[in-house]
Structure formats: structure tokens, C-alpha cells
Protein backbone atom coordinates (compact mmCIF):
# COMPACT_ATOMS: atom_id res chain seq x y z
CA ARG A 1 -79.26 51.45 44.09
CA LEU A 2 -82.54 50.98 42.24
CA ASN A 3 -83.27 54.70 42.37
CA ALA A 4 -79.75 55.46 41.10
CA ASP A 5 -80.16 53.03 38.22
CA ASN A 6 -83.53 54.53 37.33
CA ALA A 7 -82.07 58.03 37.42
CA ARG A 8 -79.16 56.96 35.22
CA PHE A 9 -81.54 55.28 32.78
CA LEU A 10 -83.84 58.30 32.54
CA LEU A 11 -80.94 60.71 32.13
CA LEU A 12 -79.44 58.57 29.37
CA ALA A 13 -82.81 58.36 27.60
CA VAL A 14 -83.19 62.14 27.75
CA LEU A 15 -79.65 62.67 26.44
CA ILE A 16 -80.20 60.23 23.57
CA VAL A 17 -83.44 61.97 22.56
CA LEU A 18 -81.72 65.36 22.67
CA TYR A 19 -78.81 63.94 20.69
CA MET A 20 -81.21 62.62 18.04
CA LEU A 21 -83.07 65.92 17.85
CA CYS A 22 -79.81 67.84 17.36
CA GLY A 23 -78.66 65.35 14.73
CA ALA A 24 -81.95 65.58 12.87
CA ALA A 25 -81.74 69.38 12.85
CA VAL A 26 -78.17 69.36 11.52
CA PHE A 27 -78.80 66.78 8.81
CA SER A 28 -82.01 68.48 7.76
CA ALA A 29 -80.23 71.82 7.43
CA ILE A 30 -77.38 70.27 5.42
CA GLU A 31 -79.16 67.77 3.18
CA LEU A 32 -82.62 69.28 2.56
CA PRO A 33 -81.48 72.04 0.15
CA THR A 34 -79.57 69.50 -1.94
CA GLU A 35 -82.59 67.21 -2.05
CA ARG A 36 -84.82 70.05 -3.27
CA GLU A 37 -82.34 71.02 -5.96
CA ALA A 38 -82.07 67.42 -7.16
CA LYS A 39 -85.86 67.12 -7.27
CA GLU A 40 -86.17 70.31 -9.31
CA ARG A 41 -83.53 69.10 -11.79
CA TRP A 42 -85.28 65.76 -12.12
CA GLU A 43 -88.66 67.35 -12.77
CA GLU A 44 -87.09 69.55 -15.43
CA ARG A 45 -85.41 66.61 -17.16
CA LEU A 46 -88.61 64.58 -16.99
CA GLU A 47 -90.59 67.40 -18.58
CA ASN A 48 -88.03 67.87 -21.38
CA PHE A 49 -87.91 64.12 -22.08
CA THR A 50 -91.69 63.75 -22.35
CA ARG A 51 -91.92 66.82 -24.60
CA ARG A 52 -89.07 65.67 -26.88
CA HIS A 53 -90.39 62.11 -27.39
CA ASN A 54 -94.08 63.00 -27.28
CA LEU A 55 -94.84 60.80 -24.27
CA SER A 56 -97.33 61.27 -21.49
CA ARG A 57 -95.89 61.66 -18.04
CA ALA A 58 -98.15 58.89 -16.73
CA GLU A 59 -96.68 56.33 -19.16
CA LEU A 60 -93.15 57.42 -18.38
CA ARG A 61 -93.70 57.23 -14.64
CA HIS A 62 -95.17 53.73 -15.05
CA PHE A 63 -92.05 52.66 -16.95
CA LEU A 64 -89.79 54.12 -14.29
CA ARG A 65 -91.66 52.25 -11.55
CA GLU A 66 -91.08 48.99 -13.42
CA TYR A 67 -87.38 49.78 -13.63
CA GLU A 68 -87.32 50.43 -9.88
CA GLU A 69 -88.78 46.97 -9.29
CA ALA A 70 -86.16 45.48 -11.60
CA SER A 71 -83.46 47.39 -9.75
CA VAL A 72 -84.60 45.88 -6.45
CA ALA A 73 -84.28 42.43 -8.04
CA GLY A 74 -80.67 43.19 -8.97
CA ILE A 75 -81.03 44.47 -12.55
CA ARG A 76 -78.91 47.50 -13.35
CA VAL A 77 -78.11 49.51 -16.46
CA ASP A 78 -74.39 48.86 -16.02
CA ASP A 79 -72.94 45.38 -16.06
CA ILE A 80 -72.57 43.95 -12.56
CA ARG A 81 -71.97 40.44 -11.33
CA PRO A 82 -74.98 38.21 -10.58
CA ARG A 83 -76.38 38.86 -7.17
CA TRP A 84 -77.22 35.28 -6.29
CA ASP A 85 -74.31 33.24 -7.57
CA PHE A 86 -72.35 31.50 -4.82
CA THR A 87 -69.93 34.41 -4.38
CA GLY A 88 -72.73 36.94 -4.25
CA ALA A 89 -74.75 34.79 -1.85
CA PHE A 90 -71.71 34.41 0.43
CA TYR A 91 -71.26 38.19 0.46
CA PHE A 92 -74.97 38.53 1.28
CA VAL A 93 -74.90 36.13 4.25
CA GLY A 94 -71.81 37.97 5.51
CA THR A 95 -73.80 41.20 5.63
CA VAL A 96 -76.64 39.35 7.38
CA VAL A 97 -74.73 37.67 10.22
CA SER A 98 -72.59 40.79 10.80
CA THR A 99 -75.80 42.90 10.99
CA ILE A 100 -74.42 45.29 8.34
CA GLY A 101 -77.34 44.74 5.93
CA PHE A 102 -76.37 46.94 2.97
CA GLY A 103 -79.73 46.33 1.29
CA MET A 104 -78.45 46.03 -2.26
CA THR A 105 -79.33 42.30 -2.21
CA THR A 106 -82.51 41.08 -0.57
CA PRO A 107 -84.48 37.82 -0.95
CA ALA A 108 -87.43 38.18 -3.32
CA THR A 109 -89.12 34.80 -2.79
CA VAL A 110 -91.28 33.77 0.16
CA GLY A 111 -89.05 30.78 0.85
CA GLY A 112 -85.95 32.98 0.90
CA LYS A 113 -87.56 35.44 3.31
CA ILE A 114 -88.67 32.66 5.68
CA PHE A 115 -85.24 31.05 5.59
CA LEU A 116 -83.62 34.43 6.25
CA ILE A 117 -85.60 34.85 9.49
CA PHE A 118 -84.31 31.63 11.04
CA TYR A 119 -80.86 31.89 9.44
CA GLY A 120 -80.35 35.43 10.68
CA LEU A 121 -81.61 34.57 14.17
CA ILE A 122 -78.89 31.98 14.71
CA GLY A 123 -76.23 33.68 12.60
CA CYS A 124 -76.49 37.09 14.27
CA ALA A 125 -76.42 35.53 17.74
CA GLY A 126 -73.32 33.49 16.88
CA THR A 127 -71.54 36.49 15.36
CA ILE A 128 -72.30 38.67 18.39
CA LEU A 129 -70.84 35.92 20.57
CA PHE A 130 -67.73 35.94 18.35
CA PHE A 131 -67.43 39.72 18.72
CA ASN A 132 -67.71 39.41 22.51
CA LEU A 133 -64.99 36.76 22.64
CA PHE A 134 -62.82 38.89 20.38
CA LEU A 135 -63.41 41.86 22.66
CA GLU A 136 -62.44 39.81 25.71
CA ARG A 137 -59.15 38.71 24.17
CA LEU A 138 -58.41 42.15 22.78
CA ILE A 139 -58.85 43.78 26.17
CA THR A 140 -56.65 41.09 27.74
CA VAL A 141 -53.85 41.80 25.28
CA ILE A 142 -54.14 45.59 25.67
CA ALA A 143 -54.21 45.36 29.46
CA TYR A 144 -51.21 43.02 29.51
CA VAL A 145 -49.15 45.27 27.22
CA MET A 146 -50.03 48.44 29.14
CA LYS A 147 -49.24 46.84 32.50
CA SER A 148 -45.94 45.55 31.18
CA CYS A 149 -45.06 49.08 30.08
CA HIS A 150 -46.14 50.44 33.46
CA GLU A 151 -44.04 47.86 35.29
CA ARG A 152 -41.04 48.71 33.08
CA GLN A 153 -41.40 52.37 33.98
CA LEU A 154 -41.42 51.48 37.68
CA ARG A 155 -38.26 49.43 37.21
CA ARG A 156 -36.53 52.34 35.52
CA LYS A 157 -37.44 54.57 38.45
CA GLY A 158 -36.00 52.00 40.84
CA VAL A 159 -39.31 51.14 42.48
CA LEU A 160 -39.19 47.53 41.29
CA PRO A 161 -36.04 45.38 41.21
CA HIS A 162 -34.97 44.02 37.84
CA ASN A 163 -35.58 40.44 38.93
CA GLY A 164 -39.31 41.19 39.03
CA ARG A 165 -39.71 40.82 42.83
CA ARG A 166 -41.66 43.57 44.48
CA GLY A 167 -40.78 45.20 47.72
CA SER A 168 -43.49 45.01 50.32
CA GLY A 169 -42.80 48.40 51.79
CA THR A 170 -43.26 50.54 48.72
CA SER A 171 -46.68 52.07 48.14
CA GLU A 172 -46.19 52.13 44.38
CA VAL A 173 -45.50 48.41 44.37
CA ASP A 174 -48.50 47.70 46.55
CA SER A 175 -50.75 49.62 44.21
CA LEU A 176 -49.37 47.80 41.17
CA ALA A 177 -51.24 44.61 42.04
CA GLY A 178 -54.57 46.35 41.66
CA TRP A 179 -53.52 48.55 38.77
CA LYS A 180 -55.77 48.59 35.72
CA PRO A 181 -55.36 50.48 32.43
CA SER A 182 -57.27 53.71 32.04
CA VAL A 183 -60.38 53.54 29.91
CA TYR A 184 -59.15 56.58 28.01
CA TYR A 185 -55.92 54.85 27.03
CA VAL A 186 -57.86 51.82 25.83
CA MET A 187 -60.18 54.07 23.85
CA LEU A 188 -57.21 55.86 22.30
CA ILE A 189 -55.59 52.56 21.26
CA LEU A 190 -58.81 51.31 19.69
CA CYS A 191 -59.31 54.64 17.89
CA VAL A 192 -55.81 54.44 16.41
CA ALA A 193 -56.31 50.80 15.39
CA SER A 194 -59.67 51.55 13.75
CA LEU A 195 -58.21 54.56 11.95
CA ILE A 196 -55.26 52.55 10.62
CA ILE A 197 -57.54 49.78 9.35
CA SER A 198 -59.89 52.31 7.72
CA CYS A 199 -57.04 54.17 6.02
CA CYS A 200 -55.50 50.96 4.68
CA ALA A 201 -58.89 49.71 3.45
CA SER A 202 -59.62 53.08 1.80
CA ALA A 203 -56.26 52.92 0.02
CA MET A 204 -57.42 49.60 -1.45
CA TYR A 205 -60.97 50.69 -2.34
CA THR A 206 -60.02 54.00 -4.01
CA PRO A 207 -58.19 52.63 -7.09
CA ILE A 208 -60.16 49.38 -7.41
CA GLU A 209 -63.72 50.68 -6.91
CA GLY A 210 -63.05 54.09 -8.44
CA TRP A 211 -64.24 56.00 -5.38
CA SER A 212 -62.65 59.09 -3.94
CA TYR A 213 -60.58 58.58 -0.81
CA PHE A 214 -63.15 60.42 1.30
CA ASP A 215 -65.95 58.22 -0.07
CA SER A 216 -63.84 55.18 0.77
CA LEU A 217 -63.40 56.37 4.36
CA TYR A 218 -67.14 57.03 4.53
CA PHE A 219 -67.84 53.50 3.28
CA CYS A 220 -65.43 52.06 5.86
CA PHE A 221 -67.21 53.74 8.75
CA VAL A 222 -70.68 52.81 7.50
CA ALA A 223 -69.64 49.20 6.95
CA PHE A 224 -67.45 48.72 10.03
CA SER A 225 -70.06 50.25 12.34
CA THR A 226 -72.70 47.88 10.83
CA ILE A 227 -74.88 50.84 9.84
CA GLY A 228 -74.85 49.69 6.22
CA PHE A 229 -76.73 52.33 4.25
CA GLY A 230 -76.03 50.59 0.93
CA ASP A 231 -75.28 53.74 -1.11
CA LEU A 232 -71.69 52.50 -1.53
CA VAL A 233 -71.05 48.75 -1.63
CA SER A 234 -67.75 47.08 -2.37
CA SER A 235 -67.13 44.08 -4.65
CA GLN A 236 -70.14 44.65 -6.89
CA ASN A 237 -68.54 44.95 -10.34
CA ILE A 238 -68.53 41.96 -12.63
CA ARG A 239 -64.74 41.87 -13.00
CA TYR A 240 -61.75 43.14 -11.04
CA GLU A 241 -58.02 42.96 -11.46
CA SER A 242 -56.79 40.22 -9.11
CA GLN A 243 -60.41 39.50 -8.28
CA GLY A 244 -59.78 36.66 -5.82
CA LEU A 245 -57.14 38.61 -3.91
CA TYR A 246 -59.34 41.70 -3.76
CA ARG A 247 -62.34 39.83 -2.41
CA PHE A 248 -60.19 38.14 0.22
CA GLY A 249 -58.75 41.51 1.26
CA ASN A 250 -62.25 43.00 1.34
CA PHE A 251 -63.41 40.20 3.64
CA VAL A 252 -60.41 40.60 5.98
CA PHE A 253 -60.74 44.39 6.22
CA ILE A 254 -64.47 44.24 6.94
CA LEU A 255 -63.96 41.56 9.60
CA MET A 256 -61.15 43.42 11.35
CA GLY A 257 -62.91 46.76 11.04
CA VAL A 258 -66.18 45.49 12.49
CA CYS A 259 -64.36 43.88 15.44
CA CYS A 260 -62.38 47.04 16.23
CA ILE A 261 -65.33 49.41 15.88
CA TYR A 262 -67.49 47.08 17.97
CA SER A 263 -64.88 47.14 20.73
CA LEU A 264 -64.51 50.91 20.41
CA PHE A 265 -68.25 51.42 20.80
CA ASN A 266 -68.22 49.45 24.05
CA VAL A 267 -65.33 51.51 25.43
CA ILE A 268 -67.12 54.73 24.47
CA SER A 269 -70.20 53.43 26.27
CA ILE A 270 -68.09 53.17 29.45
CA VAL A 271 -67.01 56.80 29.03
CA ILE A 272 -70.65 57.82 28.53
CA LYS A 273 -71.57 55.91 31.68
CA GLN A 274 -68.87 57.73 33.63
CA SER A 275 -70.12 61.08 32.30
CA ILE A 276 -73.68 60.27 33.34
CA ASN A 277 -72.50 59.26 36.82
CA TRP A 278 -70.59 62.54 37.06
CA ILE A 279 -73.68 64.53 36.07
CA LEU A 280 -75.83 62.69 38.60
CA LYS A 281 -73.22 63.25 41.29
CA LYS A 282 -73.15 66.98 40.58
CA LEU A 283 -76.93 67.12 40.66
CA ALA A 284 -77.00 65.18 43.92
CA CYS A 285 -74.46 67.51 45.56
CA LYS A 286 -76.75 70.50 45.05
CA CYS A 287 -79.61 68.98 46.99
CA CYS A 288 -77.41 67.10 49.48
CA HIS A 289 -77.44 69.85 52.09
CA ARG A 290 -81.19 70.24 51.83
CA CYS A 291 -81.72 66.50 52.26
CA GLN A 292 -79.45 66.41 55.31
CA ARG A 293 -81.32 69.27 56.93
CA ARG A 294 -84.63 67.49 56.39
CA LEU A 295 -83.14 64.27 57.74
CA PHE A 296 -81.89 65.92 60.92
CA ARG A 297 -85.25 67.60 61.42
CA SER A 298 -87.08 64.29 61.04
CA ARG A 299 -84.72 62.62 63.55
CA ARG A 300 -84.84 65.38 66.12
CA ASN A 301 -86.67 63.17 68.67
CA VAL A 302 -84.55 60.05 68.08
CA VAL A 303 -82.05 58.93 70.71
CA MET A 304 -78.68 59.00 68.87
CA PRO A 305 -75.75 56.77 69.85
CA GLY A 306 -72.56 58.22 71.23
CA ASN A 307 -70.38 57.33 68.24
CA VAL A 308 -71.77 57.89 64.79
CA ARG A 309 -70.67 55.32 62.22
CA SER A 310 -68.43 56.61 59.47
CA ARG A 311 -69.51 56.25 55.88
CA ARG A 312 -68.19 53.08 54.26
CA ASN A 313 -67.05 52.65 50.70
CA ILE A 314 -69.26 49.98 49.19
CA SER A 315 -68.39 48.28 45.95
CA ILE A 316 -70.60 48.75 42.95
CA GLU A 317 -71.97 45.22 43.26
CA THR A 318 -73.39 46.02 46.69
CA ASP A 319 -73.93 49.73 46.15
CA VAL A 320 -77.25 50.23 47.89
CA VAL A 321 -78.70 53.16 49.74
CA ASN A 322 -78.32 52.84 53.51
CA GLU A 323 -81.47 53.71 55.32
CA SER A 324 -79.85 55.03 58.45
CA ASP A 325 -83.05 56.35 59.98
CA THR A 326 -83.42 53.11 61.92
CA ASP A 327 -79.78 52.84 62.99
CA GLY A 328 -80.11 55.37 65.79
CA ARG A 329 -83.09 53.59 67.29
CA ARG A 330 -81.45 50.17 66.96
CA LEU A 331 -78.19 51.25 68.56
CA SER A 332 -79.99 53.11 71.32
CA GLY A 333 -81.51 49.88 72.63
CA GLU A 334 -85.06 50.39 71.42
CA MET A 335 -87.19 47.52 70.15
CA ILE A 336 -87.41 47.45 66.38
CA SER A 337 -89.67 45.69 63.92
CA MET A 338 -88.60 43.14 61.33
CA LYS A 339 -88.99 45.80 58.61
CA ASP A 340 -86.56 48.11 60.42
CA PHE A 341 -84.16 45.23 60.98
CA LEU A 342 -84.08 44.33 57.28
CA ALA A 343 -83.69 47.98 56.32
CA SER A 344 -80.75 48.54 58.66
CA ASN A 345 -78.98 45.35 57.53
CA LYS A 346 -79.59 45.68 53.80
CA VAL A 347 -75.90 45.77 52.91
CA SER A 348 -75.04 42.70 55.00
CA LEU A 349 -77.93 40.73 53.54
CA ALA A 350 -76.90 41.73 49.99
CA ILE A 351 -73.32 40.60 50.59
CA MET A 352 -74.53 37.32 52.11
CA GLN A 353 -76.86 36.71 49.16
CA LYS A 354 -74.02 37.38 46.71
CA GLN A 355 -71.64 35.01 48.52
CA LEU A 356 -74.26 32.23 48.63
CA SER A 357 -74.96 32.64 44.92
CA GLU A 358 -71.26 32.50 44.02
CA THR A 359 -70.70 29.45 46.23
CA ALA A 360 -73.65 27.65 44.63
CA ASN A 361 -72.32 28.38 41.15
CA GLY A 362 -68.84 27.20 42.08
CA TYR A 363 -66.82 30.26 41.09
CA PRO A 364 -66.50 32.78 43.92
CA ARG A 365 -65.05 35.95 42.51
CA GLN A 366 -62.48 38.00 44.38
CA MET A 367 -63.22 41.68 44.18
CA SER A 368 -60.40 44.01 45.08
CA SER A 369 -60.86 47.34 46.74
CA ASN A 370 -59.79 49.02 43.51
CA SER A 371 -62.56 47.46 41.43
CA LYS A 372 -64.18 50.80 40.86
CA GLN A 373 -61.10 52.46 39.46
CA ASN A 374 -61.44 53.95 36.00
CA GLY A 375 -65.09 52.91 35.82
CA PHE A 376 -64.37 49.27 34.92
CA SER A 377 -67.14 47.69 36.93
CA GLY A 378 -70.64 46.52 36.23
CA GLY A 379 -72.27 46.46 32.82
CA VAL A 380 -74.38 44.15 30.71
CA GLY A 381 -73.40 41.98 27.74
CA ALA A 382 -70.25 43.06 25.94
CA LEU A 383 -69.82 45.87 28.46
CA ALA A 384 -69.72 43.32 31.30
CA ILE A 385 -67.17 41.21 29.42
CA MET A 386 -64.88 44.20 29.02
CA ASN A 387 -65.27 45.28 32.65
CA ASN A 388 -64.68 41.80 34.06
CA ARG A 389 -61.63 41.24 31.89
CA LEU A 390 -60.10 44.55 32.91
CA ALA A 391 -60.90 43.85 36.57
CA GLU A 392 -59.39 40.36 36.50
CA THR A 393 -56.21 41.34 34.64
CA SER A 394 -53.29 42.15 36.90
CA VAL A 395 -49.54 42.33 36.65
CA ASP A 396 -48.79 39.51 39.01
CA ARG A 397 -50.33 36.74 36.91
């Protein structure tokens, strides 16, 4: 199991690096020519301005640097609302605890920077906990709705009676108890929900902020995914029509969008995990025959038992590699060492350790034989919350 986890980790790291390299090449090819053209236009305008007003370029550059410092402090040429009034400060702390971090407002004092460190430490942790709890309840609702639809389809086909009682002799009914929604259906639902929220929010931002609809969609993705570049930021003008209603709607859309995109990212991570497992399985199949030949050659002088044990399906929580080299010697009646005994009984010891740990904690968990269906098993953090919720949700509540 440790070797499989290490292989999965290394493969994911390699794929992420390759993904970043491809992304850097694409963005460089698209954006670099525009950057060069903008720089050439700026140099031309700067030269014309210094020549027209008889200024040295050094003095003009010094003035522009001072304006950049003022811009960082919140001073703009156009009229905008104060950055650090109560409304602006509330918008700022919202971008901090949600980890969006647009960057248009940053603390300039030493006291503000120190307070931000401790405030963000607690605030970000609490908000991530909120997102995880939201994800848990969202997956529960989606799983319940999808299982209700699945049960209704079975009733229409006559597999289930209309009174809700299940027949014990039907295989479809027996499999319904361990049925779980497909990860692809959950991903599709979250994609549709995120798209609807983004389209509705863009319809609000376009007339009020004066952005194009595409720029509004771009802002929604950057904000909802907590990337937060800061090139487009909502609710920054000094006055709006129906200002209170707009700011409330902006808050609601950002909250709902961040929750949906956060959940969608976790579902996509499950799909990526399944893809990596599929790649590793394909790679392992190629060298499987070679490994078996080497294994049989190494065990040529071992006394084999009459009946060879069949391969067992082990759950993902006890998915370890069976070292069967010692099984033939143990079953043949030979004396074995303690090392060989532990190696041959690794699965049993792992199951015993898991049961003792669950009994000590007071919440033994029942794992069904279908716990590995659709890849909803294992995981860390929000991924574990989603997997456990999908594994525990069943029709016969």
C-alpha cells in the first residue's frame, strides 16, 4: 500500500509539473505579444509627453513611482469609495477569510499587518471548516435526491413495490442498499449549479459595474475559485443605484459561488484520483507477467501446498500488498521466523488494529463490500468528508 501511495504521489507530481509547463507555454504564447505591444506604446507616449512639456524622463519616472505608491494606498484618479471605511473593511476581511485576496486593499501599517497574520490564521481555518460542512450537507442532499430518483425508476419497472418494501429475492433490490451516486453525476450537477450562479451573477455585474458579460464571467470564476487576481473587483465605485441591495447580492453570489466551486474542485480531485489509479493499473499490467515469472523462478525450490488460495478483494482501508512468498513455506509445515509470520499475516493484523482503534474511539464504522464503487473511498480533508458522506448515504435510511 505504501509503494502504491508513493507511486500515485509521484505520478501526480509529474502530471502537475507537466500541466504547469504546458500552461506556461500557452499563456506565454498568447499574452507575451500583447505585453510587448503595450510596452512599446507606453514608451512612445512617455517620449512624446517629455518632449512636449520639456521634462526629463528621470523626473517623470520619479513622479510615476510616487503615484504607484499612492495607488497601493488606495488613491485613484477616478472617484472611488474609501477603502477603509466600515463597509470597505468588511469587504476586505471577507476576501481574507475566504482566501480570495484580490489585493486591491492591503494593510499599510505595521499594526495592521501583524493583526492580519493572527486574524487570517483563525478566519481562514474557520471558513475552510464552514466550506467542509457545507460540502458534507450538499453531498448528502445530492445523494438523497439521486437515490430517490433511482428508487422511483425501480418502482416504475416493477422491481420495487409501491409501498416501499423491497423483495429479498431480487438482485436489483439487494444492490440498492449499497447503491451510491456516480461521481460523474455529482460533478455534472455541481458544474450546472456553478454555471447557473455565475451566469446570474454576471447578469448583475454587467449593467452595474459596466463590464462586458465575458469580463463578468471571468470575474466570477476568478473570485469563486479564490484565485483573486484583483484586475476586476466588484463594489468599488463610490455610488451605485440601490447600493445596499447590490452589495447584499454581491455578498450572496460570492458566498454561494465559492461554496459550489469549492465542492466542484473536490469532486474533480476524485476524478483525477481515479484517472491516476487507472494509469497505474495499466502500467502495472504490462510488467505483471514479468513479475510473476520472476516470482515463480524464485519459488522453484519451495514446497507448495495442494490448494492455492484465491485472491481476495481487500477494501481500500486495508489495501496492502500480500507477501505470499512465505505462505507456501508456512502452509507446507516448515518452521518460520517471526518476520515471516508478520509478513504472511499483515492483512489480519491491519484489520485487527483498525477494529481496536475504532472500538477505543467509540464509533465502529460499518464498511460495505461496495465501498470502493465509483471511487468514493479514502481521501484527506474535504475529500475524506465527501467520500465518507457518499459511503454512509443509502436509500434505506
